Each structure stands twice: as C-alpha cells, then as structure tokens.
C-alpha cells in the first residue's frame, strides 16, 4: 500500500503544478484555459490526497478512475474549449494529462499487485 500512497502524493504535486501552470506559462489571460487548469489541477490534488490518506481498496480504485478521467479531460480541453492555438496551454494540457493518467495507471497496477500479495 505504501507505493500506492507514494503515487498519490506525486499526483498531488502534479495536480498543484497543473493548477499554477497558467500563471507560470503566461496563459492566465485566457479564461477557458485558466479555469480548466485551476479546476482540474485542484481536483486532481484533492482526490489524490484523499486517496493517499485511506486504505480501502474500493474507494482508492474509484478515486483513481475519476482522476484518470480528469487527466483525459485535461488532454481534450484545448480542442473542446478552443484554445489549442495557445501552444503553452496545449502542450501543458497534453503533458499534464498524460502525467496524471500515467501515475494513475501505475497506482492501479501497483494496488493490484499489493492486494494480490496481501491475500
């Protein structure tokens, strides 16, 4: 369970980085991008923090699925909301979303292994 918690703390960091990205990369003047990154980034951080703090496998899996969906939303947002011409927002969304998905998948695989060995 320890490595799953580690993954979730990394997700908290990624979520916070996503939330501050509009200010760091200068696309905070684009309302759609600003709010997308703030809301998704903070949601990822909160969900991952909750997941890191609990031990119930079913709840962790549910939170991981929601977090992965937020990663997909982060990748799709520039295209759906129309700010794909802003390269900083486009690349940050794609890379941030990919990082969220990769960490979530890592956590799910690790959780399955740890629960399989615990039985």
N, C-alpha and C. Protein backbone atom coordinates (compact mmCIF):
# COMPACT_ATOMS: atom_id res chain seq x y z
N UNK A 1 0.82 -1.19 0.00
CA UNK A 1 0.00 0.00 0.00
C UNK A 1 0.87 1.26 0.00
N UNK A 2 2.09 1.09 0.46
CA UNK A 2 2.99 2.24 0.57
C UNK A 2 3.29 2.87 -0.79
N UNK A 3 3.55 2.05 -1.81
CA UNK A 3 3.88 2.62 -3.12
C UNK A 3 2.65 3.27 -3.77
N UNK A 4 1.46 2.79 -3.46
CA UNK A 4 0.24 3.43 -3.96
C UNK A 4 0.10 4.81 -3.32
N UNK A 5 0.40 4.90 -2.04
CA UNK A 5 0.35 6.20 -1.38
C UNK A 5 1.40 7.14 -1.96
N UNK A 6 2.58 6.63 -2.27
CA UNK A 6 3.62 7.45 -2.89
C UNK A 6 3.14 8.00 -4.23
N UNK A 7 2.52 7.14 -5.04
CA UNK A 7 1.99 7.57 -6.33
C UNK A 7 0.96 8.67 -6.14
N UNK A 8 0.11 8.52 -5.13
CA UNK A 8 -0.91 9.53 -4.90
C UNK A 8 -0.31 10.86 -4.45
N UNK A 9 0.76 10.81 -3.68
CA UNK A 9 1.40 12.08 -3.30
C UNK A 9 2.05 12.74 -4.51
N UNK A 10 2.58 11.94 -5.43
CA UNK A 10 3.10 12.51 -6.69
C UNK A 10 1.96 13.13 -7.49
N UNK A 11 0.80 12.50 -7.47
CA UNK A 11 -0.36 13.07 -8.16
C UNK A 11 -0.78 14.40 -7.54
N UNK A 12 -0.66 14.52 -6.23
CA UNK A 12 -0.95 15.80 -5.57
C UNK A 12 -0.03 16.88 -6.14
N UNK A 13 1.25 16.55 -6.26
CA UNK A 13 2.23 17.50 -6.80
C UNK A 13 1.88 17.87 -8.24
N UNK A 14 1.57 16.87 -9.06
CA UNK A 14 1.22 17.14 -10.46
C UNK A 14 -0.04 18.00 -10.53
N UNK A 15 -1.03 17.69 -9.72
CA UNK A 15 -2.26 18.49 -9.69
C UNK A 15 -2.00 19.95 -9.34
N UNK A 16 -1.15 20.18 -8.37
CA UNK A 16 -0.82 21.56 -7.99
C UNK A 16 -0.03 22.26 -9.09
N UNK A 17 0.87 21.53 -9.75
CA UNK A 17 1.60 22.12 -10.87
C UNK A 17 0.67 22.49 -12.02
N UNK A 18 -0.30 21.64 -12.29
CA UNK A 18 -1.30 21.94 -13.33
C UNK A 18 -2.07 23.20 -12.94
N UNK A 19 -2.43 23.32 -11.68
CA UNK A 19 -3.22 24.48 -11.23
C UNK A 19 -2.45 25.80 -11.37
N UNK A 20 -1.15 25.77 -11.18
CA UNK A 20 -0.37 27.02 -11.28
C UNK A 20 0.19 27.26 -12.68
N UNK A 21 0.05 26.28 -13.57
CA UNK A 21 0.61 26.39 -14.92
C UNK A 21 0.16 27.63 -15.69
N UNK A 22 -1.11 28.05 -15.63
CA UNK A 22 -1.50 29.24 -16.39
C UNK A 22 -0.71 30.49 -15.98
N UNK A 23 -0.37 30.58 -14.72
CA UNK A 23 0.38 31.74 -14.23
C UNK A 23 1.86 31.60 -14.57
N UNK A 24 2.38 30.37 -14.47
CA UNK A 24 3.80 30.13 -14.76
C UNK A 24 4.12 30.28 -16.24
N UNK A 25 3.19 29.89 -17.11
CA UNK A 25 3.45 29.90 -18.54
C UNK A 25 2.74 31.01 -19.29
N UNK A 26 2.06 31.88 -18.55
CA UNK A 26 1.53 33.10 -19.14
C UNK A 26 0.25 32.99 -19.95
N UNK A 27 -0.54 31.96 -19.72
CA UNK A 27 -1.82 31.91 -20.43
C UNK A 27 -3.01 32.09 -19.48
N UNK A 28 -2.76 32.80 -18.37
CA UNK A 28 -3.83 33.08 -17.40
C UNK A 28 -4.81 34.13 -17.91
N UNK A 29 -4.53 34.78 -19.03
CA UNK A 29 -5.46 35.74 -19.62
C UNK A 29 -6.55 35.07 -20.45
N UNK A 30 -6.42 33.78 -20.68
CA UNK A 30 -7.42 33.04 -21.45
C UNK A 30 -8.32 32.32 -20.44
N UNK A 31 -9.53 32.83 -20.27
CA UNK A 31 -10.42 32.37 -19.20
C UNK A 31 -10.67 30.86 -19.26
N UNK A 32 -10.93 30.33 -20.44
CA UNK A 32 -11.24 28.90 -20.55
C UNK A 32 -10.05 28.06 -20.07
N UNK A 33 -8.85 28.44 -20.48
CA UNK A 33 -7.66 27.69 -20.08
C UNK A 33 -7.40 27.87 -18.58
N UNK A 34 -7.50 29.09 -18.12
CA UNK A 34 -7.26 29.37 -16.70
C UNK A 34 -8.15 28.52 -15.81
N UNK A 35 -9.46 28.56 -16.06
CA UNK A 35 -10.39 27.82 -15.20
C UNK A 35 -10.27 26.32 -15.37
N UNK A 36 -9.98 25.87 -16.58
CA UNK A 36 -9.78 24.43 -16.80
C UNK A 36 -8.62 23.93 -15.97
N UNK A 37 -7.49 24.62 -16.05
CA UNK A 37 -6.29 24.18 -15.34
C UNK A 37 -6.46 24.31 -13.83
N UNK A 38 -7.09 25.38 -13.37
CA UNK A 38 -7.32 25.54 -11.94
C UNK A 38 -8.23 24.45 -11.38
N UNK A 39 -9.37 24.25 -12.03
CA UNK A 39 -10.35 23.29 -11.51
C UNK A 39 -9.82 21.86 -11.59
N UNK A 40 -9.31 21.48 -12.76
CA UNK A 40 -8.82 20.10 -12.90
C UNK A 40 -7.59 19.86 -12.02
N UNK A 41 -6.67 20.81 -12.01
CA UNK A 41 -5.47 20.65 -11.18
C UNK A 41 -5.79 20.50 -9.70
N UNK A 42 -6.65 21.36 -9.20
CA UNK A 42 -7.02 21.27 -7.78
C UNK A 42 -7.83 20.02 -7.49
N UNK A 43 -8.70 19.61 -8.41
CA UNK A 43 -9.48 18.38 -8.23
C UNK A 43 -8.56 17.16 -8.17
N UNK A 44 -7.58 17.11 -9.05
CA UNK A 44 -6.62 16.00 -9.03
C UNK A 44 -5.87 15.99 -7.70
N UNK A 45 -5.41 17.15 -7.25
CA UNK A 45 -4.67 17.23 -5.99
C UNK A 45 -5.52 16.78 -4.81
N UNK A 46 -6.76 17.22 -4.76
CA UNK A 46 -7.64 16.86 -3.64
C UNK A 46 -7.97 15.36 -3.67
N UNK A 47 -8.37 14.85 -4.83
CA UNK A 47 -8.70 13.42 -4.93
C UNK A 47 -7.50 12.54 -4.61
N UNK A 48 -6.33 12.90 -5.10
CA UNK A 48 -5.12 12.12 -4.82
C UNK A 48 -4.75 12.20 -3.34
N UNK A 49 -4.93 13.37 -2.74
CA UNK A 49 -4.66 13.50 -1.31
C UNK A 49 -5.58 12.64 -0.47
N UNK A 50 -6.85 12.60 -0.84
CA UNK A 50 -7.80 11.72 -0.14
C UNK A 50 -7.40 10.27 -0.34
N UNK A 51 -7.09 9.90 -1.58
CA UNK A 51 -6.72 8.52 -1.88
C UNK A 51 -5.46 8.10 -1.12
N UNK A 52 -4.52 9.01 -0.95
CA UNK A 52 -3.29 8.70 -0.22
C UNK A 52 -3.54 8.51 1.27
N UNK A 53 -4.65 9.05 1.75
CA UNK A 53 -4.93 9.03 3.18
C UNK A 53 -5.82 7.88 3.63
N UNK A 54 -6.32 7.09 2.69
CA UNK A 54 -7.23 6.00 3.04
C UNK A 54 -6.62 4.65 2.69
N UNK A 55 -7.21 3.59 3.19
CA UNK A 55 -6.68 2.25 2.96
C UNK A 55 -7.69 1.34 2.29
N UNK A 56 -8.91 1.80 2.04
CA UNK A 56 -9.98 0.98 1.47
C UNK A 56 -9.80 0.85 -0.03
N UNK A 57 -9.55 -0.38 -0.50
CA UNK A 57 -9.21 -0.62 -1.89
C UNK A 57 -10.27 -0.13 -2.87
N UNK A 58 -11.55 -0.38 -2.58
CA UNK A 58 -12.61 0.03 -3.49
C UNK A 58 -12.68 1.54 -3.67
N UNK A 59 -12.51 2.28 -2.60
CA UNK A 59 -12.54 3.74 -2.67
C UNK A 59 -11.33 4.27 -3.42
N UNK A 60 -10.17 3.67 -3.19
CA UNK A 60 -8.97 4.09 -3.90
C UNK A 60 -9.15 3.88 -5.40
N UNK A 61 -9.71 2.72 -5.78
CA UNK A 61 -9.92 2.44 -7.21
C UNK A 61 -10.89 3.44 -7.83
N UNK A 62 -11.97 3.77 -7.12
CA UNK A 62 -12.94 4.75 -7.62
C UNK A 62 -12.27 6.11 -7.82
N UNK A 63 -11.52 6.55 -6.83
CA UNK A 63 -10.83 7.85 -6.93
C UNK A 63 -9.81 7.84 -8.07
N UNK A 64 -9.15 6.70 -8.27
CA UNK A 64 -8.19 6.60 -9.38
C UNK A 64 -8.89 6.73 -10.73
N UNK A 65 -10.04 6.10 -10.88
CA UNK A 65 -10.78 6.21 -12.15
C UNK A 65 -11.22 7.64 -12.41
N UNK A 66 -11.69 8.31 -11.37
CA UNK A 66 -12.11 9.71 -11.52
C UNK A 66 -10.90 10.57 -11.88
N UNK A 67 -9.78 10.32 -11.23
CA UNK A 67 -8.56 11.08 -11.50
C UNK A 67 -8.08 10.84 -12.94
N UNK A 68 -8.13 9.60 -13.40
CA UNK A 68 -7.73 9.31 -14.78
C UNK A 68 -8.65 10.04 -15.76
N UNK A 69 -9.94 10.08 -15.47
CA UNK A 69 -10.88 10.81 -16.33
C UNK A 69 -10.54 12.30 -16.37
N UNK A 70 -10.10 12.85 -15.26
CA UNK A 70 -9.67 14.25 -15.24
C UNK A 70 -8.43 14.44 -16.10
N UNK A 71 -7.54 13.46 -16.12
CA UNK A 71 -6.37 13.52 -16.99
C UNK A 71 -6.77 13.54 -18.46
N UNK A 72 -7.75 12.71 -18.82
CA UNK A 72 -8.26 12.70 -20.20
C UNK A 72 -8.90 14.05 -20.53
N UNK A 73 -9.67 14.59 -19.58
CA UNK A 73 -10.31 15.90 -19.79
C UNK A 73 -9.27 16.99 -20.01
N UNK A 74 -8.16 16.91 -19.29
CA UNK A 74 -7.10 17.90 -19.44
C UNK A 74 -6.47 17.83 -20.84
N UNK A 75 -6.34 16.64 -21.37
CA UNK A 75 -5.80 16.48 -22.74
C UNK A 75 -6.79 17.00 -23.77
N UNK A 76 -8.07 16.73 -23.60
CA UNK A 76 -9.08 17.11 -24.59
C UNK A 76 -9.51 18.57 -24.50
N UNK A 77 -9.35 19.18 -23.36
CA UNK A 77 -9.86 20.54 -23.12
C UNK A 77 -9.42 21.58 -24.16
N UNK A 78 -8.14 21.63 -24.56
CA UNK A 78 -7.76 22.66 -25.55
C UNK A 78 -8.54 22.53 -26.86
N UNK A 79 -8.85 21.32 -27.26
CA UNK A 79 -9.56 21.09 -28.51
C UNK A 79 -11.06 21.38 -28.36
N UNK A 80 -11.62 20.99 -27.23
CA UNK A 80 -13.05 21.18 -26.99
C UNK A 80 -13.38 22.64 -26.68
N UNK A 81 -12.53 23.27 -25.90
CA UNK A 81 -12.79 24.65 -25.46
C UNK A 81 -12.17 25.70 -26.38
N UNK A 82 -11.40 25.27 -27.37
CA UNK A 82 -10.94 26.17 -28.41
C UNK A 82 -9.70 27.00 -28.12
N UNK A 83 -8.83 26.57 -27.23
CA UNK A 83 -7.61 27.33 -27.02
C UNK A 83 -6.37 26.54 -27.46
N UNK A 84 -6.54 25.67 -28.47
CA UNK A 84 -5.42 24.86 -28.94
C UNK A 84 -4.38 25.67 -29.69
N UNK A 85 -4.70 26.89 -30.10
CA UNK A 85 -3.72 27.74 -30.78
C UNK A 85 -2.69 28.31 -29.79
N UNK A 86 -3.00 28.26 -28.51
CA UNK A 86 -2.07 28.74 -27.47
C UNK A 86 -1.17 27.55 -27.11
N UNK A 87 0.01 27.53 -27.68
CA UNK A 87 0.89 26.37 -27.57
C UNK A 87 1.22 26.01 -26.12
N UNK A 88 1.43 27.01 -25.27
CA UNK A 88 1.76 26.71 -23.87
C UNK A 88 0.62 25.96 -23.20
N UNK A 89 -0.61 26.38 -23.46
CA UNK A 89 -1.77 25.71 -22.86
C UNK A 89 -1.97 24.33 -23.47
N UNK A 90 -1.78 24.23 -24.77
CA UNK A 90 -1.95 22.95 -25.46
C UNK A 90 -0.96 21.91 -24.93
N UNK A 91 0.32 22.25 -24.94
CA UNK A 91 1.34 21.29 -24.52
C UNK A 91 1.27 20.99 -23.02
N UNK A 92 0.96 21.99 -22.23
CA UNK A 92 0.82 21.76 -20.79
C UNK A 92 -0.36 20.84 -20.51
N UNK A 93 -1.45 21.04 -21.23
CA UNK A 93 -2.61 20.16 -21.05
C UNK A 93 -2.31 18.74 -21.45
N UNK A 94 -1.66 18.57 -22.58
CA UNK A 94 -1.33 17.21 -23.05
C UNK A 94 -0.34 16.53 -22.10
N UNK A 95 0.73 17.23 -21.75
CA UNK A 95 1.73 16.62 -20.86
C UNK A 95 1.20 16.42 -19.44
N UNK A 96 0.46 17.41 -18.94
CA UNK A 96 -0.12 17.26 -17.61
C UNK A 96 -1.12 16.14 -17.55
N UNK A 97 -1.98 16.06 -18.56
CA UNK A 97 -2.96 14.98 -18.61
C UNK A 97 -2.30 13.62 -18.72
N UNK A 98 -1.26 13.53 -19.55
CA UNK A 98 -0.54 12.27 -19.70
C UNK A 98 0.13 11.86 -18.38
N UNK A 99 0.67 12.82 -17.65
CA UNK A 99 1.30 12.52 -16.36
C UNK A 99 0.25 12.02 -15.36
N UNK A 100 -0.91 12.65 -15.34
CA UNK A 100 -1.99 12.22 -14.44
C UNK A 100 -2.40 10.79 -14.79
N UNK A 101 -2.61 10.52 -16.06
CA UNK A 101 -3.03 9.17 -16.48
C UNK A 101 -1.94 8.14 -16.15
N UNK A 102 -0.68 8.45 -16.46
CA UNK A 102 0.41 7.51 -16.21
C UNK A 102 0.55 7.18 -14.73
N UNK A 103 0.48 8.20 -13.87
CA UNK A 103 0.58 7.96 -12.43
C UNK A 103 -0.61 7.16 -11.92
N UNK A 104 -1.77 7.43 -12.47
CA UNK A 104 -2.97 6.70 -12.04
C UNK A 104 -2.88 5.23 -12.45
N UNK A 105 -2.43 4.98 -13.67
CA UNK A 105 -2.28 3.59 -14.12
C UNK A 105 -1.22 2.88 -13.27
N UNK A 106 -0.12 3.57 -13.01
CA UNK A 106 0.91 2.99 -12.14
C UNK A 106 0.31 2.62 -10.79
N UNK A 107 -0.49 3.50 -10.23
CA UNK A 107 -1.12 3.23 -8.94
C UNK A 107 -2.06 2.04 -8.99
N UNK A 108 -2.84 1.94 -10.05
CA UNK A 108 -3.78 0.82 -10.19
C UNK A 108 -3.03 -0.51 -10.33
N UNK A 109 -1.98 -0.54 -11.13
CA UNK A 109 -1.19 -1.76 -11.30
C UNK A 109 -0.54 -2.15 -9.98
N UNK A 110 0.02 -1.17 -9.31
CA UNK A 110 0.68 -1.42 -8.03
C UNK A 110 -0.32 -1.87 -6.98
N UNK A 111 -1.49 -1.25 -6.96
CA UNK A 111 -2.53 -1.63 -6.00
C UNK A 111 -2.94 -3.08 -6.22
N UNK A 112 -3.12 -3.45 -7.48
CA UNK A 112 -3.49 -4.84 -7.79
C UNK A 112 -2.43 -5.82 -7.33
N UNK A 113 -1.17 -5.49 -7.54
CA UNK A 113 -0.08 -6.37 -7.11
C UNK A 113 -0.03 -6.48 -5.59
N UNK A 114 -0.16 -5.33 -4.92
CA UNK A 114 -0.05 -5.33 -3.46
C UNK A 114 -1.24 -6.05 -2.83
N UNK A 115 -2.41 -5.88 -3.38
CA UNK A 115 -3.58 -6.56 -2.83
C UNK A 115 -3.52 -8.05 -3.15
N UNK A 116 -2.96 -8.41 -4.31
CA UNK A 116 -2.81 -9.81 -4.66
C UNK A 116 -1.85 -10.55 -3.74
N UNK A 117 -0.77 -9.85 -3.32
CA UNK A 117 0.19 -10.47 -2.42
C UNK A 117 -0.29 -10.48 -0.98
N UNK A 118 -1.21 -9.58 -0.65
CA UNK A 118 -1.69 -9.50 0.73
C UNK A 118 -2.65 -10.63 1.05
N UNK A 119 -3.24 -11.25 0.02
CA UNK A 119 -4.25 -12.27 0.28
C UNK A 119 -3.65 -13.64 0.47
